[in-house]
Amino acid sequence: MKNVVLLGATGSVGENTLKVLRKHSDKLNLIAIAAYKQFDKLASIAQEFDVKHIALIDPDAFIGASESSLFSRDQMLYAGIEGLMEISTLPEADIVIFGLSGTAGLKPALAALEAGIDVAIANKEILVLGGSFLIQAAKNNNARILPVDSEHNAVFQCLEGVSDRSTISKVVLTASGGYFRDWPLEKLKDATPKCATKHPNWNMGPKITVDCATMANKGLELMEARWLFDLRPEQLDATLHPQSIIHALVQFVDGSVLSQMSPASMTFPIQYSLFYPDRFPGATEGIDLASFYSLQLSPIDSARYPCFFIAKNAMESGGAYPEAFNAANEIAVQAFLKTQIGFLDIPRVIEAVLENPIFSTSARSLKEALEIDQQARLLAKEEVCGLKEKASIMIK
């Protein structure tokens, strides 16, 4: 029986993890869960899986949960990032699933690895911000970082048994193109949060779905892959694949290509991470090879997806530009979701932040990485305010 800690239990990754846990209740035991503030949902999950450790990031939600009658006396409630760190390092834990969005999971992930506990990461941001520190912690403590993101999990499977990274010519991640894939370019200026948070293939949270529409997510995934698989920027690329069946392709120096395919469901990479290196019947129906259909691959259009190319350039430039890209993108997307800026303003905010030369030097510690993150966020917020003022003047 493997003991599982699930951070982000109420989100899309959490919901899919619970499907796998239900399917394999004889092999997996959920011992701790966490969410940002939805304590009523956590209470329901805790009751179903008999979970004794529950954490809430939001302090008001923690107070609400503590004062409610939803939790029993034998259940322990934890608050904030410190609470996440506590449940991520429970002595009985075998693996921690990181399904939280943003950078809240960075310190808990580092704490888990330092305790020698395996982590399965579905969150791009914490690897972009703290990839070098997480990789080193895993090596120092004989722990594993298992990728849950469908593309990275696909690469992980394709590279099984490949120890010499010089034999890899190119790792190519696939992208669906998001909701606006087939929109006329001139119409993108009218794109709304309501449309941007719809996805043609995947069911995900609002931030990541907007990132799919801008393809900032694919740029972040290249940065993530660099750390996970010890690759050079020139070994990484992405391609458009509307069907979301092929999740990654790996081309080797001999010209051969391996790919990994599965339906667009997070249950596949989650289950692979939980049971690695073993395989068991899936929680979701697989591909029906008897009724296989054609698959399309095409180049990514720089006019439609500038965020992808900004991200790729940030990765190639090195220094702290990847961390700055991640922070600026997060602020820009938040502003777009609040209708403070337009869809086409997202890359403008990011580019404005990356023009600052302070990001030319890499962080030497986790403390410095977090400081860089905060600097980029402040600059992005200033840029958002400037765009709001400009829009207000134009309306007048």
Protein backbone atom coordinates (compact mmCIF):
# COMPACT_ATOMS: atom_id res chain seq x y z
CA MET A 1 0.00 0.00 0.00
CA LYS A 2 1.41 3.38 -1.04
CA ASN A 3 0.57 6.42 1.12
CA VAL A 4 -0.33 9.50 -0.94
CA VAL A 5 -0.42 13.21 -0.06
CA LEU A 6 -2.48 15.31 -2.49
CA LEU A 7 -1.94 19.07 -2.72
CA GLY A 8 -4.59 20.75 -4.85
CA ALA A 9 -7.24 18.13 -4.12
CA THR A 10 -10.18 20.25 -5.35
CA GLY A 11 -8.69 21.22 -8.74
CA SER A 12 -8.59 19.31 -12.02
CA VAL A 13 -5.39 17.41 -11.13
CA GLY A 14 -6.87 16.58 -7.74
CA GLU A 15 -10.13 15.32 -9.22
CA ASN A 16 -8.27 13.07 -11.66
CA THR A 17 -5.99 11.80 -8.91
CA LEU A 18 -9.07 10.83 -6.90
CA LYS A 19 -10.34 8.82 -9.89
CA VAL A 20 -7.09 6.83 -9.88
CA LEU A 21 -7.29 6.37 -6.10
CA ARG A 22 -10.84 5.02 -6.40
CA LYS A 23 -9.78 2.63 -9.14
CA HIS A 24 -6.85 1.32 -7.10
CA SER A 25 -8.05 1.63 -3.51
CA ASP A 26 -6.34 -1.68 -2.73
CA LYS A 27 -2.93 -0.23 -3.66
CA LEU A 28 -3.16 3.49 -2.81
CA ASN A 29 -4.03 5.16 0.50
CA LEU A 30 -4.78 8.90 0.70
CA ILE A 31 -3.40 10.24 3.99
CA ALA A 32 -3.40 14.04 3.53
CA ILE A 33 -5.08 16.64 1.30
CA ALA A 34 -4.79 20.37 0.72
CA ALA A 35 -6.53 23.16 -1.18
CA TYR A 36 -6.48 26.93 -1.31
CA LYS A 37 -9.84 27.62 0.35
CA GLN A 38 -12.60 25.15 -0.59
CA PHE A 39 -12.83 23.45 2.79
CA ASP A 40 -16.32 22.07 2.16
CA LYS A 41 -14.99 20.03 -0.77
CA LEU A 42 -12.00 18.95 1.31
CA ALA A 43 -14.36 17.75 4.02
CA SER A 44 -16.24 15.62 1.50
CA ILE A 45 -12.99 14.11 0.17
CA ALA A 46 -11.71 13.52 3.70
CA GLN A 47 -14.90 11.68 4.60
CA GLU A 48 -14.81 9.48 1.48
CA PHE A 49 -11.14 8.50 1.85
CA ASP A 50 -10.89 8.66 5.66
CA VAL A 51 -8.20 11.36 5.52
CA LYS A 52 -6.83 12.61 8.85
CA HIS A 53 -4.62 15.51 7.69
CA ILE A 54 -6.21 18.51 5.92
CA ALA A 55 -4.45 21.77 4.96
CA LEU A 56 -5.82 25.11 3.73
CA ILE A 57 -3.60 27.84 2.31
CA ASP A 58 -6.04 30.71 2.80
CA PRO A 59 -6.09 31.83 6.48
CA ASP A 60 -9.78 32.81 6.39
CA ALA A 61 -10.68 29.41 4.96
CA PHE A 62 -8.67 27.74 7.72
CA ILE A 63 -10.62 29.71 10.34
CA GLY A 64 -13.89 28.84 8.61
CA ALA A 65 -12.97 25.16 8.53
CA SER A 66 -11.91 25.20 12.19
CA GLU A 67 -15.20 26.78 13.24
CA SER A 68 -17.34 24.50 11.08
CA SER A 69 -18.75 21.12 12.07
CA LEU A 70 -17.45 19.46 8.89
CA PHE A 71 -14.34 17.97 10.47
CA SER A 72 -14.12 15.47 13.31
CA ARG A 73 -11.88 15.65 16.36
CA ASP A 74 -9.50 13.01 15.02
CA GLN A 75 -8.81 15.10 11.90
CA MET A 76 -5.94 17.61 12.04
CA LEU A 77 -6.22 20.96 10.24
CA TYR A 78 -3.14 22.83 8.99
CA ALA A 79 -2.80 26.43 7.74
CA GLY A 80 -0.76 28.25 5.11
CA ILE A 81 2.45 27.26 3.34
CA GLU A 82 3.77 25.95 6.66
CA GLY A 83 0.79 23.61 6.80
CA LEU A 84 1.55 22.35 3.31
CA MET A 85 5.14 21.69 4.37
CA GLU A 86 3.96 19.74 7.41
CA ILE A 87 1.68 17.38 5.50
CA SER A 88 4.24 17.03 2.68
CA THR A 89 6.77 15.64 5.14
CA LEU A 90 4.58 13.28 7.14
CA PRO A 91 6.79 10.31 8.10
CA GLU A 92 4.31 7.81 6.64
CA ALA A 93 4.11 9.59 3.24
CA ASP A 94 5.48 7.75 0.20
CA ILE A 95 4.65 10.29 -2.50
CA VAL A 96 3.27 13.84 -2.71
CA ILE A 97 1.19 14.92 -5.71
CA PHE A 98 1.59 18.65 -6.47
CA GLY A 99 -1.53 19.84 -8.27
CA LEU A 100 -1.56 23.41 -6.94
CA SER A 101 -1.31 26.25 -9.45
CA GLY A 102 1.24 29.02 -9.04
CA THR A 103 4.34 28.88 -6.84
CA ALA A 104 2.73 27.95 -3.50
CA GLY A 105 4.04 24.40 -3.80
CA LEU A 106 7.74 25.28 -4.14
CA LYS A 107 8.75 25.21 -0.46
CA PRO A 108 6.60 22.12 0.31
CA ALA A 109 8.13 20.29 -2.69
CA LEU A 110 11.62 21.14 -1.51
CA ALA A 111 10.75 20.03 2.03
CA ALA A 112 9.36 16.70 0.80
CA LEU A 113 12.45 15.97 -1.29
CA GLU A 114 14.75 16.90 1.59
CA ALA A 115 12.81 14.38 3.68
CA GLY A 116 13.50 11.73 1.03
CA ILE A 117 9.88 11.60 -0.17
CA ASP A 118 9.08 11.25 -3.88
CA VAL A 119 7.16 14.11 -5.48
CA ALA A 120 4.90 14.00 -8.55
CA ILE A 121 4.67 17.50 -10.01
CA ALA A 122 1.84 18.73 -12.24
CA ASN A 123 2.83 22.34 -11.66
CA LYS A 124 5.08 24.04 -14.22
CA GLU A 125 5.74 27.16 -12.18
CA ILE A 126 7.64 25.60 -9.29
CA LEU A 127 10.09 23.85 -11.62
CA VAL A 128 10.63 27.04 -13.63
CA LEU A 129 11.24 29.02 -10.45
CA GLY A 130 13.17 26.45 -8.43
CA GLY A 131 14.14 23.66 -10.81
CA SER A 132 17.86 23.58 -10.01
CA PHE A 133 17.21 23.52 -6.26
CA LEU A 134 14.56 20.78 -6.51
CA ILE A 135 16.76 18.60 -8.73
CA GLN A 136 19.68 18.95 -6.33
CA ALA A 137 17.49 18.15 -3.31
CA ALA A 138 16.22 15.00 -5.05
CA LYS A 139 19.78 13.85 -5.80
CA ASN A 140 21.03 14.60 -2.29
CA ASN A 141 18.21 12.68 -0.58
CA ASN A 142 17.67 9.74 -2.95
CA ALA A 143 14.17 10.97 -3.83
CA ARG A 144 12.48 11.14 -7.22
CA ILE A 145 10.75 13.92 -9.13
CA LEU A 146 8.05 12.35 -11.29
CA PRO A 147 6.39 14.53 -13.95
CA VAL A 148 2.58 14.56 -13.98
CA ASP A 149 2.14 17.11 -16.76
CA SER A 150 1.00 14.99 -19.72
CA GLU A 151 3.79 16.19 -22.03
CA HIS A 152 6.60 15.66 -19.53
CA ASN A 153 5.20 12.34 -18.44
CA ALA A 154 5.23 11.35 -22.11
CA VAL A 155 8.89 12.38 -22.46
CA PHE A 156 9.68 10.52 -19.23
CA GLN A 157 8.21 7.34 -20.72
CA CYS A 158 10.00 7.80 -24.06
CA LEU A 159 13.36 8.32 -22.33
CA GLU A 160 13.05 5.26 -20.10
CA GLY A 161 16.43 3.52 -20.30
CA VAL A 162 18.12 6.41 -22.17
CA SER A 163 21.05 7.44 -19.96
CA ASP A 164 23.12 9.30 -22.57
CA ARG A 165 21.40 12.63 -23.29
CA SER A 166 23.78 13.27 -26.19
CA THR A 167 21.88 10.61 -28.18
CA ILE A 168 18.81 12.88 -28.13
CA SER A 169 18.48 15.15 -31.14
CA LYS A 170 15.19 16.85 -30.23
CA VAL A 171 12.41 16.60 -27.66
CA VAL A 172 9.18 17.98 -29.10
CA LEU A 173 6.18 18.73 -26.89
CA THR A 174 2.74 18.98 -28.47
CA ALA A 175 0.22 21.79 -28.06
CA SER A 176 -3.50 21.81 -28.83
CA GLY A 177 -3.52 25.52 -29.67
CA GLY A 178 -6.24 26.42 -27.18
CA TYR A 179 -9.66 27.96 -27.79
CA PHE A 180 -8.52 30.62 -30.27
CA ARG A 181 -6.58 28.23 -32.51
CA ASP A 182 -8.87 28.79 -35.52
CA TRP A 183 -9.90 32.39 -34.86
CA PRO A 184 -8.97 35.04 -37.45
CA LEU A 185 -5.96 36.96 -36.10
CA GLU A 186 -7.78 40.28 -36.30
CA LYS A 187 -10.49 38.92 -33.98
CA LEU A 188 -8.07 38.12 -31.12
CA LYS A 189 -8.26 41.69 -29.81
CA ASP A 190 -11.87 40.92 -28.84
CA ALA A 191 -11.05 37.68 -26.98
CA THR A 192 -12.73 37.51 -23.57
CA PRO A 193 -11.91 35.57 -20.38
CA LYS A 194 -15.12 33.57 -20.88
CA CYS A 195 -13.84 32.25 -24.21
CA ALA A 196 -10.19 31.94 -23.15
CA THR A 197 -11.10 29.67 -20.24
CA LYS A 198 -12.68 27.11 -22.57
CA HIS A 199 -10.47 24.35 -23.95
CA PRO A 200 -11.23 22.17 -26.98
CA ASN A 201 -9.76 18.99 -25.44
CA TRP A 202 -8.85 19.32 -21.76
CA ASN A 203 -10.78 20.18 -18.60
CA MET A 204 -8.52 22.44 -16.51
CA GLY A 205 -8.49 25.50 -14.28
CA PRO A 206 -8.85 29.07 -15.65
CA LYS A 207 -5.19 30.14 -15.43
CA ILE A 208 -3.73 27.13 -17.22
CA THR A 209 -6.50 27.26 -19.84
CA VAL A 210 -5.63 30.88 -20.66
CA ASP A 211 -1.97 29.82 -20.81
CA CYS A 212 -3.01 27.23 -23.41
CA ALA A 213 -4.77 29.92 -25.44
CA THR A 214 -1.64 32.13 -25.44
CA MET A 215 0.66 29.09 -25.52
CA ALA A 216 2.67 30.55 -22.64
CA ASN A 217 2.16 27.14 -21.06
CA LYS A 218 4.16 25.48 -23.82
CA GLY A 219 7.04 27.87 -23.25
CA LEU A 220 6.93 27.12 -19.52
CA GLU A 221 6.87 23.41 -20.34
CA LEU A 222 10.08 23.75 -22.37
CA MET A 223 11.72 25.41 -19.35
CA GLU A 224 10.40 22.63 -17.11
CA ALA A 225 11.65 19.92 -19.48
CA ARG A 226 15.11 21.42 -19.44
CA TRP A 227 15.40 20.79 -15.70
CA LEU A 228 13.55 17.49 -15.59
CA PHE A 229 15.54 15.81 -18.35
CA ASP A 230 18.87 17.68 -18.21
CA LEU A 231 18.55 19.00 -21.76
CA ARG A 232 19.99 21.99 -23.59
CA PRO A 233 17.59 24.67 -24.92
CA GLU A 234 18.43 23.73 -28.52
CA GLN A 235 17.22 20.18 -27.83
CA LEU A 236 13.72 21.42 -27.01
CA ASP A 237 10.82 22.51 -29.20
CA ALA A 238 7.04 22.25 -29.57
CA THR A 239 4.54 21.63 -32.34
CA LEU A 240 0.82 22.16 -32.85
CA HIS A 241 -1.28 19.00 -32.53
CA PRO A 242 -5.05 19.75 -32.36
CA GLN A 243 -6.14 16.24 -31.34
CA SER A 244 -4.09 16.07 -28.08
CA ILE A 245 -3.42 12.36 -28.61
CA ILE A 246 0.35 12.53 -29.10
CA HIS A 247 1.79 14.20 -26.01
CA ALA A 248 5.47 14.31 -26.92
CA LEU A 249 7.96 13.07 -29.50
CA VAL A 250 11.63 12.28 -28.95
CA GLN A 251 13.96 12.22 -31.96
CA PHE A 252 17.33 10.51 -31.56
CA VAL A 253 20.58 11.15 -33.42
CA ASP A 254 20.04 8.03 -35.55
CA GLY A 255 16.88 9.63 -36.96
CA SER A 256 14.35 7.42 -35.17
CA VAL A 257 11.43 8.97 -33.27
CA LEU A 258 9.55 7.68 -30.23
CA SER A 259 6.20 9.14 -29.17
CA GLN A 260 3.72 8.56 -26.37
CA MET A 261 -0.02 8.60 -27.05
CA SER A 262 -3.13 8.45 -24.88
CA PRO A 263 -6.54 10.17 -24.71
CA ALA A 264 -6.68 13.71 -23.32
CA SER A 265 -7.12 12.72 -19.68
CA MET A 266 -4.82 13.49 -16.76
CA THR A 267 -5.57 10.09 -15.23
CA PHE A 268 -2.94 8.50 -17.51
CA PRO A 269 0.12 10.51 -16.39
CA ILE A 270 -1.10 10.61 -12.79
CA GLN A 271 -1.44 6.83 -12.62
CA TYR A 272 1.94 6.31 -14.30
CA SER A 273 3.58 8.59 -11.71
CA LEU A 274 1.88 6.91 -8.77
CA PHE A 275 2.84 3.39 -9.81
CA TYR A 276 6.13 3.96 -11.65
CA PRO A 277 7.72 1.74 -12.90
CA ASP A 278 4.73 -0.65 -12.74
CA ARG A 279 1.60 -0.57 -14.90
CA PHE A 280 -1.97 -1.52 -13.96
CA PRO A 281 -5.38 -1.24 -15.67
CA GLY A 282 -6.25 2.42 -16.19
CA ALA A 283 -8.94 4.51 -14.54
CA THR A 284 -9.96 5.83 -17.98
CA GLU A 285 -10.56 4.03 -21.28
CA GLY A 286 -7.50 4.06 -23.55
CA ILE A 287 -7.18 4.61 -27.29
CA ASP A 288 -9.24 2.30 -29.49
CA LEU A 289 -6.61 1.26 -32.04
CA ALA A 290 -9.27 -0.45 -34.19
CA SER A 291 -10.89 2.90 -34.94
CA PHE A 292 -7.71 4.97 -35.15
CA TYR A 293 -7.94 8.26 -37.01
CA SER A 294 -5.50 10.66 -38.66
CA LEU A 295 -3.28 12.86 -36.51
CA GLN A 296 -2.04 16.33 -37.46
CA LEU A 297 1.20 18.10 -36.60
CA SER A 298 2.03 21.64 -37.73
CA PRO A 299 4.41 24.52 -36.83
CA ILE A 300 3.45 27.08 -34.19
CA ASP A 301 2.50 30.47 -35.66
CA SER A 302 4.49 33.34 -34.11
CA ALA A 303 1.79 35.90 -34.98
CA ARG A 304 -0.90 33.91 -33.18
CA TYR A 305 1.21 32.72 -30.24
CA PRO A 306 3.84 35.37 -29.39
CA CYS A 307 4.00 34.22 -25.75
CA PHE A 308 5.50 30.88 -26.80
CA PHE A 309 8.35 32.56 -28.64
CA ILE A 310 8.93 35.08 -25.84
CA ALA A 311 9.21 32.14 -23.43
CA LYS A 312 11.53 30.21 -25.72
CA ASN A 313 13.78 33.24 -26.06
CA ALA A 314 13.78 33.68 -22.26
CA MET A 315 14.89 30.05 -21.85
CA GLU A 316 17.66 30.46 -24.43
CA SER A 317 18.81 33.75 -22.85
CA GLY A 318 19.27 32.07 -19.47
CA GLY A 319 19.90 34.08 -16.34
CA ALA A 320 16.70 34.74 -14.42
CA TYR A 321 14.65 35.44 -17.55
CA PRO A 322 12.67 32.16 -17.27
CA GLU A 323 11.66 33.00 -13.68
CA ALA A 324 10.74 36.54 -14.73
CA PHE A 325 8.66 35.23 -17.63
CA ASN A 326 6.74 32.94 -15.30
CA ALA A 327 6.00 35.71 -12.78
CA ALA A 328 5.06 38.31 -15.40
CA ASN A 329 2.79 35.86 -17.19
CA GLU A 330 0.99 34.99 -13.96
CA ILE A 331 0.27 38.65 -13.21
CA ALA A 332 -0.79 39.37 -16.79
CA VAL A 333 -3.19 36.42 -16.87
CA GLN A 334 -4.69 37.43 -13.51
CA ALA A 335 -5.28 40.93 -14.88
CA PHE A 336 -6.86 39.55 -18.06
CA LEU A 337 -9.18 37.27 -16.08
CA LYS A 338 -10.29 40.33 -14.09
CA THR A 339 -10.84 42.18 -17.42
CA GLN A 340 -8.24 44.78 -16.42
CA ILE A 341 -6.29 44.25 -19.66
CA GLY A 342 -7.04 42.70 -23.04
CA PHE A 343 -5.95 39.31 -24.34
CA LEU A 344 -3.32 40.85 -26.62
CA ASP A 345 -1.93 42.81 -23.66
CA ILE A 346 -0.66 39.60 -22.02
CA PRO A 347 2.48 39.33 -24.21
CA ARG A 348 2.96 43.11 -23.96
CA VAL A 349 3.17 42.92 -20.16
CA ILE A 350 5.62 40.02 -20.32
CA GLU A 351 7.88 41.67 -22.90
CA ALA A 352 7.98 44.91 -20.91
CA VAL A 353 9.16 43.03 -17.80
CA LEU A 354 11.80 41.03 -19.68
CA GLU A 355 13.32 44.22 -21.09
CA ASN A 356 14.72 44.91 -17.61
CA PRO A 357 18.43 43.90 -17.42
CA ILE A 358 18.18 42.93 -13.74
CA PHE A 359 17.10 39.45 -14.87
CA SER A 360 20.33 38.71 -16.75
CA THR A 361 21.89 36.97 -13.72
CA SER A 362 20.77 33.57 -12.41
CA ALA A 363 19.57 33.11 -8.84
CA ARG A 364 22.22 31.53 -6.59
CA SER A 365 19.79 30.45 -3.88
CA LEU A 366 16.11 29.76 -3.37
CA LYS A 367 15.87 33.06 -1.46
CA GLU A 368 17.23 34.92 -4.49
CA ALA A 369 14.87 33.05 -6.83
CA LEU A 370 11.90 34.12 -4.72
CA GLU A 371 13.16 37.72 -4.66
CA ILE A 372 13.46 37.68 -8.47
CA ASP A 373 9.92 36.34 -8.67
CA GLN A 374 8.65 39.22 -6.53
CA GLN A 375 10.59 41.83 -8.54
CA ALA A 376 9.10 40.55 -11.79
CA ARG A 377 5.60 40.56 -10.30
CA LEU A 378 5.94 44.17 -9.17
CA LEU A 379 7.16 45.24 -12.61
CA ALA A 380 4.29 43.36 -14.24
CA LYS A 381 1.75 45.02 -11.95
CA GLU A 382 3.17 48.43 -12.87
CA GLU A 383 2.82 47.57 -16.55
CA VAL A 384 -0.78 46.42 -16.01
CA CYS A 385 -1.58 49.72 -14.27
CA GLY A 386 -0.07 51.61 -17.19
CA LEU A 387 -2.18 49.69 -19.71
CA LYS A 388 -5.32 50.28 -17.62
CA GLU A 389 -4.64 54.03 -17.51
CA LYS A 390 -4.00 54.10 -21.25
CA ALA A 391 -7.25 52.25 -21.93
CA SER A 392 -9.14 54.62 -19.62
CA ILE A 393 -7.79 57.68 -21.48
CA MET A 394 -8.73 56.17 -24.84
CA ILE A 395 -12.30 55.54 -23.63
CA LYS A 396 -12.61 59.17 -22.50
